[in-house]
Amino acid sequence: MASQTIQEQLSEARSALHDLSIGKSVVELWDSNHERVRYTAATRPELLAHIARLERQLAHVQPVTSIKFCTSKGV
């Protein structure tokens, strides 16, 4: 899955979590299979798990752009 698509899904999932947190009773998302998934306050842990999966996928897709070395000697 492309990085942009994962980022978009993650943004939508975080927004849905926010909506549940402020009292919205039902939120709906489209998953990677283009199926509609409904979350409620009772299924909030499933939404959190979905967000965690997307974050792990995104971490594996994004390339490393820099490496920082820390040493105990020097300036």
Protein backbone atom coordinates (compact mmCIF):
# COMPACT_ATOMS: atom_id res chain seq x y z
CA MET A 1 0.00 0.00 0.00
CA ALA A 2 1.32 3.43 -0.89
CA SER A 3 2.55 5.72 1.85
CA GLN A 4 0.10 8.47 0.88
CA THR A 5 -2.88 6.10 1.13
CA ILE A 6 -1.81 4.86 4.55
CA GLN A 7 -1.29 8.45 5.72
CA GLU A 8 -4.78 9.40 4.51
CA GLN A 9 -6.34 6.40 6.26
CA LEU A 10 -4.44 7.22 9.45
CA SER A 11 -5.63 10.82 9.34
CA GLU A 12 -9.24 9.70 8.86
CA ALA A 13 -8.96 7.16 11.69
CA ARG A 14 -7.51 9.75 14.07
CA SER A 15 -10.30 12.14 13.14
CA ALA A 16 -12.86 9.41 13.81
CA LEU A 17 -11.27 8.74 17.21
CA HIS A 18 -11.50 12.45 18.00
CA ASP A 19 -15.18 12.46 17.01
CA LEU A 20 -15.86 9.54 19.36
CA SER A 21 -13.90 11.29 22.11
CA ILE A 22 -16.05 14.41 21.89
CA GLY A 23 -19.29 12.45 22.05
CA LYS A 24 -20.24 11.47 18.53
CA SER A 25 -22.09 8.16 18.82
CA VAL A 26 -21.06 6.49 15.54
CA VAL A 27 -18.22 7.10 13.08
CA GLU A 28 -17.66 5.36 9.77
CA LEU A 29 -14.44 4.69 7.88
CA TRP A 30 -13.56 2.95 4.66
CA ASP A 31 -10.95 0.23 5.15
CA SER A 32 -8.25 -0.87 2.70
CA ASN A 33 -10.71 -3.33 1.12
CA HIS A 34 -13.10 -0.46 0.41
CA GLU A 35 -15.57 -1.76 2.97
CA ARG A 36 -17.37 0.56 5.36
CA VAL A 37 -16.51 0.00 9.02
CA ARG A 38 -18.57 1.53 11.85
CA TYR A 39 -17.09 2.36 15.23
CA THR A 40 -18.92 3.32 18.40
CA ALA A 41 -17.77 4.10 21.92
CA ALA A 42 -18.05 0.37 22.64
CA THR A 43 -15.72 -0.50 19.76
CA ARG A 44 -13.21 2.28 20.52
CA PRO A 45 -10.48 -0.30 21.35
CA GLU A 46 -10.86 -1.74 17.84
CA LEU A 47 -10.41 1.74 16.38
CA LEU A 48 -7.29 2.24 18.50
CA ALA A 49 -5.95 -1.10 17.22
CA HIS A 50 -6.69 -0.02 13.64
CA ILE A 51 -4.75 3.22 14.20
CA ALA A 52 -1.82 1.27 15.66
CA ARG A 53 -1.77 -1.05 12.62
CA LEU A 54 -1.73 1.92 10.26
CA GLU A 55 1.09 3.56 12.22
CA ARG A 56 3.15 0.36 12.03
CA GLN A 57 2.52 0.09 8.28
CA LEU A 58 3.50 3.70 7.77
CA ALA A 59 6.70 3.24 9.78
CA HIS A 60 7.70 0.37 7.47
CA VAL A 61 6.95 2.32 4.30
CA GLN A 62 8.71 5.61 5.03
CA PRO A 63 12.40 5.58 4.06
CA VAL A 64 15.11 6.59 6.49
CA THR A 65 16.33 10.01 5.40
CA SER A 66 19.01 10.65 8.00
CA ILE A 67 21.01 8.94 10.69
CA LYS A 68 22.21 10.73 13.81
CA PHE A 69 25.23 9.50 15.74
CA CYS A 70 25.79 10.44 19.37
CA THR A 71 29.13 9.82 20.98
CA SER A 72 30.51 10.42 24.43
CA LYS A 73 33.64 12.17 23.13
CA GLY A 74 34.13 15.28 21.13
CA VAL A 75 32.58 18.71 21.23
